[in-house]
mmCIF file of all heavy atoms, coordinates in Angstrom:
data_MODEL
# 
_entry.id   MODEL 
# 
loop_
_atom_site.group_PDB 
_atom_site.id 
_atom_site.type_symbol 
_atom_site.label_atom_id 
_atom_site.label_alt_id 
_atom_site.label_comp_id 
_atom_site.label_asym_id 
_atom_site.label_entity_id 
_atom_site.label_seq_id 
_atom_site.pdbx_PDB_ins_code 
_atom_site.Cartn_x 
_atom_site.Cartn_y 
_atom_site.Cartn_z 
_atom_site.occupancy 
_atom_site.B_iso_or_equiv 
_atom_site.pdbx_formal_charge 
_atom_site.auth_seq_id 
_atom_site.auth_comp_id 
_atom_site.auth_asym_id 
_atom_site.auth_atom_id 
_atom_site.pdbx_PDB_model_num 
ATOM 1   N N   . ALA A 1 1  ? 132.996 31.830 -70.995 1.00 0.00 ? 1  ALA A N   1 
ATOM 2   C CA  . ALA A 1 1  ? 133.281 32.222 -69.623 1.00 0.00 ? 1  ALA A CA  1 
ATOM 3   C C   . ALA A 1 1  ? 132.204 31.723 -68.674 1.00 0.00 ? 1  ALA A C   1 
ATOM 4   O O   . ALA A 1 1  ? 132.497 31.331 -67.539 1.00 0.00 ? 1  ALA A O   1 
ATOM 5   C CB  . ALA A 1 1  ? 133.424 33.734 -69.519 1.00 0.00 ? 1  ALA A CB  1 
ATOM 6   N N   . LYS A 1 2  ? 130.955 31.757 -69.123 1.00 0.00 ? 2  LYS A N   1 
ATOM 7   C CA  . LYS A 1 2  ? 129.843 31.267 -68.320 1.00 0.00 ? 2  LYS A CA  1 
ATOM 8   C C   . LYS A 1 2  ? 129.593 29.779 -68.508 1.00 0.00 ? 2  LYS A C   1 
ATOM 9   O O   . LYS A 1 2  ? 128.729 29.214 -67.831 1.00 0.00 ? 2  LYS A O   1 
ATOM 10  C CB  . LYS A 1 2  ? 128.568 32.049 -68.640 1.00 0.00 ? 2  LYS A CB  1 
ATOM 11  C CG  . LYS A 1 2  ? 128.636 33.515 -68.280 1.00 0.00 ? 2  LYS A CG  1 
ATOM 12  C CD  . LYS A 1 2  ? 127.321 34.212 -68.595 1.00 0.00 ? 2  LYS A CD  1 
ATOM 13  C CE  . LYS A 1 2  ? 127.371 35.673 -68.200 1.00 0.00 ? 2  LYS A CE  1 
ATOM 14  N NZ  . LYS A 1 2  ? 126.100 36.375 -68.522 1.00 0.00 ? 2  LYS A NZ  1 
ATOM 15  N N   . ARG A 1 3  ? 130.332 29.170 -69.421 1.00 0.00 ? 3  ARG A N   1 
ATOM 16  C CA  . ARG A 1 3  ? 130.182 27.747 -69.719 1.00 0.00 ? 3  ARG A CA  1 
ATOM 17  C C   . ARG A 1 3  ? 128.726 27.408 -70.033 1.00 0.00 ? 3  ARG A C   1 
ATOM 18  O O   . ARG A 1 3  ? 128.152 26.456 -69.483 1.00 0.00 ? 3  ARG A O   1 
ATOM 19  C CB  . ARG A 1 3  ? 130.713 26.902 -68.560 1.00 0.00 ? 3  ARG A CB  1 
ATOM 20  C CG  . ARG A 1 3  ? 132.192 27.151 -68.258 1.00 0.00 ? 3  ARG A CG  1 
ATOM 21  C CD  . ARG A 1 3  ? 132.667 26.353 -67.056 1.00 0.00 ? 3  ARG A CD  1 
ATOM 22  N NE  . ARG A 1 3  ? 132.548 24.917 -67.261 1.00 0.00 ? 3  ARG A NE  1 
ATOM 23  C CZ  . ARG A 1 3  ? 133.445 24.179 -67.899 1.00 0.00 ? 3  ARG A CZ  1 
ATOM 24  N NH1 . ARG A 1 3  ? 134.545 24.726 -68.398 1.00 0.00 ? 3  ARG A NH1 1 
ATOM 25  N NH2 . ARG A 1 3  ? 133.247 22.873 -68.030 1.00 0.00 ? 3  ARG A NH2 1 
ATOM 26  N N   . THR A 1 4  ? 128.152 28.195 -70.921 1.00 0.00 ? 4  THR A N   1 
ATOM 27  C CA  . THR A 1 4  ? 126.756 28.039 -71.283 1.00 0.00 ? 4  THR A CA  1 
ATOM 28  C C   . THR A 1 4  ? 126.594 28.139 -72.793 1.00 0.00 ? 4  THR A C   1 
ATOM 29  O O   . THR A 1 4  ? 127.216 28.983 -73.436 1.00 0.00 ? 4  THR A O   1 
ATOM 30  C CB  . THR A 1 4  ? 125.883 29.107 -70.608 1.00 0.00 ? 4  THR A CB  1 
ATOM 31  O OG1 . THR A 1 4  ? 126.033 29.009 -69.191 1.00 0.00 ? 4  THR A OG1 1 
ATOM 32  C CG2 . THR A 1 4  ? 124.424 28.918 -70.967 1.00 0.00 ? 4  THR A CG2 1 
ATOM 33  N N   . VAL A 1 5  ? 125.770 27.262 -73.346 1.00 0.00 ? 5  VAL A N   1 
ATOM 34  C CA  . VAL A 1 5  ? 125.408 27.281 -74.759 1.00 0.00 ? 5  VAL A CA  1 
ATOM 35  C C   . VAL A 1 5  ? 123.926 27.595 -74.867 1.00 0.00 ? 5  VAL A C   1 
ATOM 36  O O   . VAL A 1 5  ? 123.116 27.073 -74.092 1.00 0.00 ? 5  VAL A O   1 
ATOM 37  C CB  . VAL A 1 5  ? 125.735 25.939 -75.428 1.00 0.00 ? 5  VAL A CB  1 
ATOM 38  C CG1 . VAL A 1 5  ? 125.215 25.907 -76.863 1.00 0.00 ? 5  VAL A CG1 1 
ATOM 39  C CG2 . VAL A 1 5  ? 127.238 25.695 -75.425 1.00 0.00 ? 5  VAL A CG2 1 
ATOM 40  N N   . TYR A 1 6  ? 123.585 28.443 -75.821 1.00 0.00 ? 6  TYR A N   1 
ATOM 41  C CA  . TYR A 1 6  ? 122.210 28.873 -76.012 1.00 0.00 ? 6  TYR A CA  1 
ATOM 42  C C   . TYR A 1 6  ? 121.696 28.422 -77.373 1.00 0.00 ? 6  TYR A C   1 
ATOM 43  O O   . TYR A 1 6  ? 122.451 28.265 -78.330 1.00 0.00 ? 6  TYR A O   1 
ATOM 44  C CB  . TYR A 1 6  ? 122.101 30.398 -75.929 1.00 0.00 ? 6  TYR A CB  1 
ATOM 45  C CG  . TYR A 1 6  ? 122.660 30.982 -74.660 1.00 0.00 ? 6  TYR A CG  1 
ATOM 46  C CD1 . TYR A 1 6  ? 123.959 31.470 -74.612 1.00 0.00 ? 6  TYR A CD1 1 
ATOM 47  C CD2 . TYR A 1 6  ? 121.892 31.032 -73.501 1.00 0.00 ? 6  TYR A CD2 1 
ATOM 48  C CE1 . TYR A 1 6  ? 124.480 32.002 -73.443 1.00 0.00 ? 6  TYR A CE1 1 
ATOM 49  C CE2 . TYR A 1 6  ? 122.399 31.555 -72.334 1.00 0.00 ? 6  TYR A CE2 1 
ATOM 50  C CZ  . TYR A 1 6  ? 123.702 32.042 -72.310 1.00 0.00 ? 6  TYR A CZ  1 
ATOM 51  O OH  . TYR A 1 6  ? 124.205 32.571 -71.140 1.00 0.00 ? 6  TYR A OH  1 
ATOM 52  N N   . LEU A 1 7  ? 120.393 28.229 -77.442 1.00 0.00 ? 7  LEU A N   1 
ATOM 53  C CA  . LEU A 1 7  ? 119.727 27.991 -78.711 1.00 0.00 ? 7  LEU A CA  1 
ATOM 54  C C   . LEU A 1 7  ? 118.546 28.948 -78.798 1.00 0.00 ? 7  LEU A C   1 
ATOM 55  O O   . LEU A 1 7  ? 117.537 28.758 -78.111 1.00 0.00 ? 7  LEU A O   1 
ATOM 56  C CB  . LEU A 1 7  ? 119.252 26.543 -78.843 1.00 0.00 ? 7  LEU A CB  1 
ATOM 57  C CG  . LEU A 1 7  ? 118.644 26.171 -80.193 1.00 0.00 ? 7  LEU A CG  1 
ATOM 58  C CD1 . LEU A 1 7  ? 119.707 26.228 -81.292 1.00 0.00 ? 7  LEU A CD1 1 
ATOM 59  C CD2 . LEU A 1 7  ? 117.999 24.793 -80.149 1.00 0.00 ? 7  LEU A CD2 1 
ATOM 60  N N   . GLN A 1 8  ? 118.698 29.985 -79.617 1.00 0.00 ? 8  GLN A N   1 
ATOM 61  C CA  . GLN A 1 8  ? 117.615 30.926 -79.851 1.00 0.00 ? 8  GLN A CA  1 
ATOM 62  C C   . GLN A 1 8  ? 116.746 30.373 -80.967 1.00 0.00 ? 8  GLN A C   1 
ATOM 63  O O   . GLN A 1 8  ? 117.216 30.172 -82.085 1.00 0.00 ? 8  GLN A O   1 
ATOM 64  C CB  . GLN A 1 8  ? 118.163 32.296 -80.241 1.00 0.00 ? 8  GLN A CB  1 
ATOM 65  C CG  . GLN A 1 8  ? 117.096 33.342 -80.532 1.00 0.00 ? 8  GLN A CG  1 
ATOM 66  C CD  . GLN A 1 8  ? 116.285 33.703 -79.313 1.00 0.00 ? 8  GLN A CD  1 
ATOM 67  O OE1 . GLN A 1 8  ? 116.840 33.942 -78.247 1.00 0.00 ? 8  GLN A OE1 1 
ATOM 68  N NE2 . GLN A 1 8  ? 114.966 33.729 -79.463 1.00 0.00 ? 8  GLN A NE2 1 
ATOM 69  N N   . MET A 1 9  ? 115.488 30.129 -80.669 1.00 0.00 ? 9  MET A N   1 
ATOM 70  C CA  . MET A 1 9  ? 114.556 29.524 -81.610 1.00 0.00 ? 9  MET A CA  1 
ATOM 71  C C   . MET A 1 9  ? 113.492 30.552 -81.973 1.00 0.00 ? 9  MET A C   1 
ATOM 72  O O   . MET A 1 9  ? 112.713 30.976 -81.120 1.00 0.00 ? 9  MET A O   1 
ATOM 73  C CB  . MET A 1 9  ? 113.912 28.274 -81.017 1.00 0.00 ? 9  MET A CB  1 
ATOM 74  C CG  . MET A 1 9  ? 114.924 27.234 -80.546 1.00 0.00 ? 9  MET A CG  1 
ATOM 75  S SD  . MET A 1 9  ? 114.134 25.699 -79.988 1.00 0.00 ? 9  MET A SD  1 
ATOM 76  C CE  . MET A 1 9  ? 113.251 26.308 -78.546 1.00 0.00 ? 9  MET A CE  1 
ATOM 77  N N   . ASN A 1 10 ? 113.473 30.940 -83.228 1.00 0.00 ? 10 ASN A N   1 
ATOM 78  C CA  . ASN A 1 10 ? 112.504 31.897 -83.738 1.00 0.00 ? 10 ASN A CA  1 
ATOM 79  C C   . ASN A 1 10 ? 111.617 31.229 -84.779 1.00 0.00 ? 10 ASN A C   1 
ATOM 80  O O   . ASN A 1 10 ? 111.953 30.184 -85.326 1.00 0.00 ? 10 ASN A O   1 
ATOM 81  C CB  . ASN A 1 10 ? 113.207 33.108 -84.361 1.00 0.00 ? 10 ASN A CB  1 
ATOM 82  C CG  . ASN A 1 10 ? 114.044 33.876 -83.372 1.00 0.00 ? 10 ASN A CG  1 
ATOM 83  O OD1 . ASN A 1 10 ? 113.706 33.993 -82.202 1.00 0.00 ? 10 ASN A OD1 1 
ATOM 84  N ND2 . ASN A 1 10 ? 115.158 34.436 -83.859 1.00 0.00 ? 10 ASN A ND2 1 
ATOM 85  N N   . SER A 1 11 ? 110.501 31.874 -85.071 1.00 0.00 ? 11 SER A N   1 
ATOM 86  C CA  . SER A 1 11 ? 109.565 31.372 -86.081 1.00 0.00 ? 11 SER A CA  1 
ATOM 87  C C   . SER A 1 11 ? 109.235 29.907 -85.855 1.00 0.00 ? 11 SER A C   1 
ATOM 88  O O   . SER A 1 11 ? 109.264 29.085 -86.778 1.00 0.00 ? 11 SER A O   1 
ATOM 89  C CB  . SER A 1 11 ? 110.141 31.586 -87.489 1.00 0.00 ? 11 SER A CB  1 
ATOM 90  O OG  . SER A 1 11 ? 110.398 32.948 -87.733 1.00 0.00 ? 11 SER A OG  1 
ATOM 91  N N   . LEU A 1 12 ? 108.919 29.579 -84.626 1.00 0.00 ? 12 LEU A N   1 
ATOM 92  C CA  . LEU A 1 12 ? 108.683 28.187 -84.267 1.00 0.00 ? 12 LEU A CA  1 
ATOM 93  C C   . LEU A 1 12 ? 107.458 27.625 -84.975 1.00 0.00 ? 12 LEU A C   1 
ATOM 94  O O   . LEU A 1 12 ? 106.460 28.322 -85.179 1.00 0.00 ? 12 LEU A O   1 
ATOM 95  C CB  . LEU A 1 12 ? 108.528 28.052 -82.765 1.00 0.00 ? 12 LEU A CB  1 
ATOM 96  C CG  . LEU A 1 12 ? 109.846 28.108 -81.991 1.00 0.00 ? 12 LEU A CG  1 
ATOM 97  C CD1 . LEU A 1 12 ? 109.598 28.426 -80.524 1.00 0.00 ? 12 LEU A CD1 1 
ATOM 98  C CD2 . LEU A 1 12 ? 110.590 26.783 -82.135 1.00 0.00 ? 12 LEU A CD2 1 
ATOM 99  N N   . LYS A 1 13 ? 107.566 26.361 -85.337 1.00 0.00 ? 13 LYS A N   1 
ATOM 100 C CA  . LYS A 1 13 ? 106.510 25.639 -86.030 1.00 0.00 ? 13 LYS A CA  1 
ATOM 101 C C   . LYS A 1 13 ? 106.038 24.476 -85.165 1.00 0.00 ? 13 LYS A C   1 
ATOM 102 O O   . LYS A 1 13 ? 106.796 23.975 -84.335 1.00 0.00 ? 13 LYS A O   1 
ATOM 103 C CB  . LYS A 1 13 ? 107.021 25.096 -87.364 1.00 0.00 ? 13 LYS A CB  1 
ATOM 104 C CG  . LYS A 1 13 ? 107.613 26.136 -88.292 1.00 0.00 ? 13 LYS A CG  1 
ATOM 105 C CD  . LYS A 1 13 ? 108.218 25.483 -89.529 1.00 0.00 ? 13 LYS A CD  1 
ATOM 106 C CE  . LYS A 1 13 ? 108.834 26.507 -90.452 1.00 0.00 ? 13 LYS A CE  1 
ATOM 107 N NZ  . LYS A 1 13 ? 109.441 25.861 -91.648 1.00 0.00 ? 13 LYS A NZ  1 
ATOM 108 N N   . PRO A 1 14 ? 104.804 24.015 -85.362 1.00 0.00 ? 14 PRO A N   1 
ATOM 109 C CA  . PRO A 1 14 ? 104.347 22.858 -84.590 1.00 0.00 ? 14 PRO A CA  1 
ATOM 110 C C   . PRO A 1 14 ? 105.271 21.648 -84.713 1.00 0.00 ? 14 PRO A C   1 
ATOM 111 O O   . PRO A 1 14 ? 105.426 20.900 -83.737 1.00 0.00 ? 14 PRO A O   1 
ATOM 112 C CB  . PRO A 1 14 ? 102.965 22.568 -85.184 1.00 0.00 ? 14 PRO A CB  1 
ATOM 113 C CG  . PRO A 1 14 ? 102.487 23.904 -85.642 1.00 0.00 ? 14 PRO A CG  1 
ATOM 114 C CD  . PRO A 1 14 ? 103.715 24.597 -86.165 1.00 0.00 ? 14 PRO A CD  1 
ATOM 115 N N   . GLU A 1 15 ? 105.895 21.461 -85.861 1.00 0.00 ? 15 GLU A N   1 
ATOM 116 C CA  . GLU A 1 15 ? 106.800 20.335 -86.033 1.00 0.00 ? 15 GLU A CA  1 
ATOM 117 C C   . GLU A 1 15 ? 108.100 20.463 -85.254 1.00 0.00 ? 15 GLU A C   1 
ATOM 118 O O   . GLU A 1 15 ? 108.895 19.521 -85.208 1.00 0.00 ? 15 GLU A O   1 
ATOM 119 C CB  . GLU A 1 15 ? 107.106 20.094 -87.522 1.00 0.00 ? 15 GLU A CB  1 
ATOM 120 C CG  . GLU A 1 15 ? 107.599 21.327 -88.256 1.00 0.00 ? 15 GLU A CG  1 
ATOM 121 C CD  . GLU A 1 15 ? 106.498 22.028 -89.027 1.00 0.00 ? 15 GLU A CD  1 
ATOM 122 O OE1 . GLU A 1 15 ? 105.389 22.186 -88.468 1.00 0.00 ? 15 GLU A OE1 1 
ATOM 123 O OE2 . GLU A 1 15 ? 106.737 22.410 -90.191 1.00 0.00 ? 15 GLU A OE2 1 
ATOM 124 N N   . ASP A 1 16 ? 108.336 21.620 -84.630 1.00 0.00 ? 16 ASP A N   1 
ATOM 125 C CA  . ASP A 1 16 ? 109.474 21.778 -83.738 1.00 0.00 ? 16 ASP A CA  1 
ATOM 126 C C   . ASP A 1 16 ? 109.197 21.200 -82.352 1.00 0.00 ? 16 ASP A C   1 
ATOM 127 O O   . ASP A 1 16 ? 110.115 21.139 -81.525 1.00 0.00 ? 16 ASP A O   1 
ATOM 128 C CB  . ASP A 1 16 ? 109.852 23.252 -83.598 1.00 0.00 ? 16 ASP A CB  1 
ATOM 129 C CG  . ASP A 1 16 ? 110.365 23.855 -84.890 1.00 0.00 ? 16 ASP A CG  1 
ATOM 130 O OD1 . ASP A 1 16 ? 111.145 23.179 -85.602 1.00 0.00 ? 16 ASP A OD1 1 
ATOM 131 O OD2 . ASP A 1 16 ? 109.996 25.004 -85.188 1.00 0.00 ? 16 ASP A OD2 1 
ATOM 132 N N   . THR A 1 17 ? 107.967 20.819 -82.082 1.00 0.00 ? 17 THR A N   1 
ATOM 133 C CA  . THR A 1 17 ? 107.619 20.257 -80.785 1.00 0.00 ? 17 THR A CA  1 
ATOM 134 C C   . THR A 1 17 ? 108.431 18.996 -80.509 1.00 0.00 ? 17 THR A C   1 
ATOM 135 O O   . THR A 1 17 ? 108.425 18.059 -81.306 1.00 0.00 ? 17 THR A O   1 
ATOM 136 C CB  . THR A 1 17 ? 106.121 19.934 -80.727 1.00 0.00 ? 17 THR A CB  1 
ATOM 137 O OG1 . THR A 1 17 ? 105.367 21.145 -80.815 1.00 0.00 ? 17 THR A OG1 1 
ATOM 138 C CG2 . THR A 1 17 ? 105.765 19.228 -79.427 1.00 0.00 ? 17 THR A CG2 1 
ATOM 139 N N   . ALA A 1 18 ? 109.132 18.977 -79.391 1.00 0.00 ? 18 ALA A N   1 
ATOM 140 C CA  . ALA A 1 18 ? 109.999 17.858 -79.059 1.00 0.00 ? 18 ALA A CA  1 
ATOM 141 C C   . ALA A 1 18 ? 110.610 18.096 -77.690 1.00 0.00 ? 18 ALA A C   1 
ATOM 142 O O   . ALA A 1 18 ? 110.554 19.201 -77.151 1.00 0.00 ? 18 ALA A O   1 
ATOM 143 C CB  . ALA A 1 18 ? 111.113 17.702 -80.099 1.00 0.00 ? 18 ALA A CB  1 
ATOM 144 N N   . VAL A 1 19 ? 111.211 17.049 -77.151 1.00 0.00 ? 19 VAL A N   1 
ATOM 145 C CA  . VAL A 1 19 ? 112.109 17.201 -76.020 1.00 0.00 ? 19 VAL A CA  1 
ATOM 146 C C   . VAL A 1 19 ? 113.479 17.558 -76.582 1.00 0.00 ? 19 VAL A C   1 
ATOM 147 O O   . VAL A 1 19 ? 114.001 16.851 -77.446 1.00 0.00 ? 19 VAL A O   1 
ATOM 148 C CB  . VAL A 1 19 ? 112.191 15.927 -75.171 1.00 0.00 ? 19 VAL A CB  1 
ATOM 149 C CG1 . VAL A 1 19 ? 113.215 16.096 -74.052 1.00 0.00 ? 19 VAL A CG1 1 
ATOM 150 C CG2 . VAL A 1 19 ? 110.826 15.589 -74.588 1.00 0.00 ? 19 VAL A CG2 1 
ATOM 151 N N   . TYR A 1 20 ? 114.043 18.643 -76.106 1.00 0.00 ? 20 TYR A N   1 
ATOM 152 C CA  . TYR A 1 20 ? 115.342 19.110 -76.573 1.00 0.00 ? 20 TYR A CA  1 
ATOM 153 C C   . TYR A 1 20 ? 116.414 18.765 -75.553 1.00 0.00 ? 20 TYR A C   1 
ATOM 154 O O   . TYR A 1 20 ? 116.262 19.033 -74.361 1.00 0.00 ? 20 TYR A O   1 
ATOM 155 C CB  . TYR A 1 20 ? 115.319 20.622 -76.811 1.00 0.00 ? 20 TYR A CB  1 
ATOM 156 C CG  . TYR A 1 20 ? 114.608 21.008 -78.086 1.00 0.00 ? 20 TYR A CG  1 
ATOM 157 C CD1 . TYR A 1 20 ? 113.228 20.889 -78.194 1.00 0.00 ? 20 TYR A CD1 1 
ATOM 158 C CD2 . TYR A 1 20 ? 115.321 21.481 -79.189 1.00 0.00 ? 20 TYR A CD2 1 
ATOM 159 C CE1 . TYR A 1 20 ? 112.569 21.223 -79.365 1.00 0.00 ? 20 TYR A CE1 1 
ATOM 160 C CE2 . TYR A 1 20 ? 114.668 21.821 -80.362 1.00 0.00 ? 20 TYR A CE2 1 
ATOM 161 C CZ  . TYR A 1 20 ? 113.303 21.692 -80.450 1.00 0.00 ? 20 TYR A CZ  1 
ATOM 162 O OH  . TYR A 1 20 ? 112.653 22.032 -81.619 1.00 0.00 ? 20 TYR A OH  1 
ATOM 163 N N   . TYR A 1 21 ? 117.487 18.161 -76.028 1.00 0.00 ? 21 TYR A N   1 
ATOM 164 C CA  . TYR A 1 21 ? 118.596 17.735 -75.195 1.00 0.00 ? 21 TYR A CA  1 
ATOM 165 C C   . TYR A 1 21 ? 119.866 18.468 -75.602 1.00 0.00 ? 21 TYR A C   1 
ATOM 166 O O   . TYR A 1 21 ? 120.103 18.688 -76.791 1.00 0.00 ? 21 TYR A O   1 
ATOM 167 C CB  . TYR A 1 21 ? 118.860 16.238 -75.348 1.00 0.00 ? 21 TYR A CB  1 
ATOM 168 C CG  . TYR A 1 21 ? 117.703 15.336 -75.012 1.00 0.00 ? 21 TYR A CG  1 
ATOM 169 C CD1 . TYR A 1 21 ? 116.757 14.997 -75.972 1.00 0.00 ? 21 TYR A CD1 1 
ATOM 170 C CD2 . TYR A 1 21 ? 117.568 14.799 -73.737 1.00 0.00 ? 21 TYR A CD2 1 
ATOM 171 C CE1 . TYR A 1 21 ? 115.703 14.155 -75.674 1.00 0.00 ? 21 TYR A CE1 1 
ATOM 172 C CE2 . TYR A 1 21 ? 116.521 13.952 -73.432 1.00 0.00 ? 21 TYR A CE2 1 
ATOM 173 C CZ  . TYR A 1 21 ? 115.589 13.632 -74.401 1.00 0.00 ? 21 TYR A CZ  1 
ATOM 174 O OH  . TYR A 1 21 ? 114.545 12.789 -74.100 1.00 0.00 ? 21 TYR A OH  1 
ATOM 175 N N   . CYS A 1 22 ? 120.685 18.806 -74.636 1.00 0.00 ? 22 CYS A N   1 
ATOM 176 C CA  . CYS A 1 22 ? 122.033 19.225 -74.969 1.00 0.00 ? 22 CYS A CA  1 
ATOM 177 C C   . CYS A 1 22 ? 122.985 18.079 -74.675 1.00 0.00 ? 22 CYS A C   1 
ATOM 178 O O   . CYS A 1 22 ? 122.752 17.264 -73.772 1.00 0.00 ? 22 CYS A O   1 
ATOM 179 C CB  . CYS A 1 22 ? 122.451 20.508 -74.246 1.00 0.00 ? 22 CYS A CB  1 
ATOM 180 S SG  . CYS A 1 22 ? 122.462 20.444 -72.447 1.00 0.00 ? 22 CYS A SG  1 
ATOM 181 N N   . ALA A 1 23 ? 124.029 17.993 -75.455 1.00 0.00 ? 23 ALA A N   1 
ATOM 182 C CA  . ALA A 1 23 ? 124.979 16.902 -75.350 1.00 0.00 ? 23 ALA A CA  1 
ATOM 183 C C   . ALA A 1 23 ? 126.364 17.408 -75.721 1.00 0.00 ? 23 ALA A C   1 
ATOM 184 O O   . ALA A 1 23 ? 126.509 18.455 -76.366 1.00 0.00 ? 23 ALA A O   1 
ATOM 185 C CB  . ALA A 1 23 ? 124.572 15.738 -76.259 1.00 0.00 ? 23 ALA A CB  1 
ATOM 186 N N   . ALA A 1 24 ? 127.386 16.657 -75.326 1.00 0.00 ? 24 ALA A N   1 
ATOM 187 C CA  . ALA A 1 24 ? 128.763 17.061 -75.568 1.00 0.00 ? 24 ALA A CA  1 
ATOM 188 C C   . ALA A 1 24 ? 129.587 15.891 -76.071 1.00 0.00 ? 24 ALA A C   1 
ATOM 189 O O   . ALA A 1 24 ? 129.356 14.739 -75.683 1.00 0.00 ? 24 ALA A O   1 
ATOM 190 C CB  . ALA A 1 24 ? 129.391 17.630 -74.294 1.00 0.00 ? 24 ALA A CB  1 
ATOM 191 N N   . VAL A 1 25 ? 130.544 16.191 -76.929 1.00 0.00 ? 25 VAL A N   1 
ATOM 192 C CA  . VAL A 1 25 ? 131.485 15.201 -77.423 1.00 0.00 ? 25 VAL A CA  1 
ATOM 193 C C   . VAL A 1 25 ? 132.845 15.862 -77.562 1.00 0.00 ? 25 VAL A C   1 
ATOM 194 O O   . VAL A 1 25 ? 132.937 17.050 -77.892 1.00 0.00 ? 25 VAL A O   1 
ATOM 195 C CB  . VAL A 1 25 ? 131.013 14.599 -78.773 1.00 0.00 ? 25 VAL A CB  1 
ATOM 196 C CG1 . VAL A 1 25 ? 130.952 15.661 -79.868 1.00 0.00 ? 25 VAL A CG1 1 
ATOM 197 C CG2 . VAL A 1 25 ? 131.903 13.435 -79.194 1.00 0.00 ? 25 VAL A CG2 1 
# 
Protein backbone atom coordinates (compact mmCIF):
# COMPACT_ATOMS: atom_id res chain seq x y z
CA ALA A 1 0.00 0.00 0.00
CA LYS A 2 2.89 2.34 0.77
CA ARG A 3 4.87 1.03 -2.19
CA THR A 4 7.90 0.60 0.02
CA VAL A 5 10.36 -2.26 0.54
CA TYR A 6 12.43 -2.51 3.70
CA LEU A 7 15.65 -4.27 4.59
CA GLN A 8 16.11 -4.80 8.31
CA MET A 9 19.80 -5.47 8.93
CA ASN A 10 20.78 -6.94 12.28
CA SER A 11 24.07 -8.24 13.66
CA LEU A 12 25.95 -6.13 11.17
CA LYS A 13 29.54 -7.04 10.36
CA PRO A 14 32.33 -4.90 8.91
CA GLU A 15 32.11 -6.94 5.71
CA ASP A 16 28.56 -5.64 5.25
CA THR A 17 30.02 -2.21 4.51
CA ALA A 18 28.89 -1.22 1.03
CA VAL A 19 26.70 1.04 -1.02
CA TYR A 20 23.25 -0.56 -0.99
CA TYR A 21 20.99 -0.21 -4.01
CA CYS A 22 17.38 -1.12 -4.53
CA ALA A 23 16.36 -2.31 -7.96
CA ALA A 24 13.31 -3.70 -9.74
CA VAL A 25 12.63 -6.24 -12.46
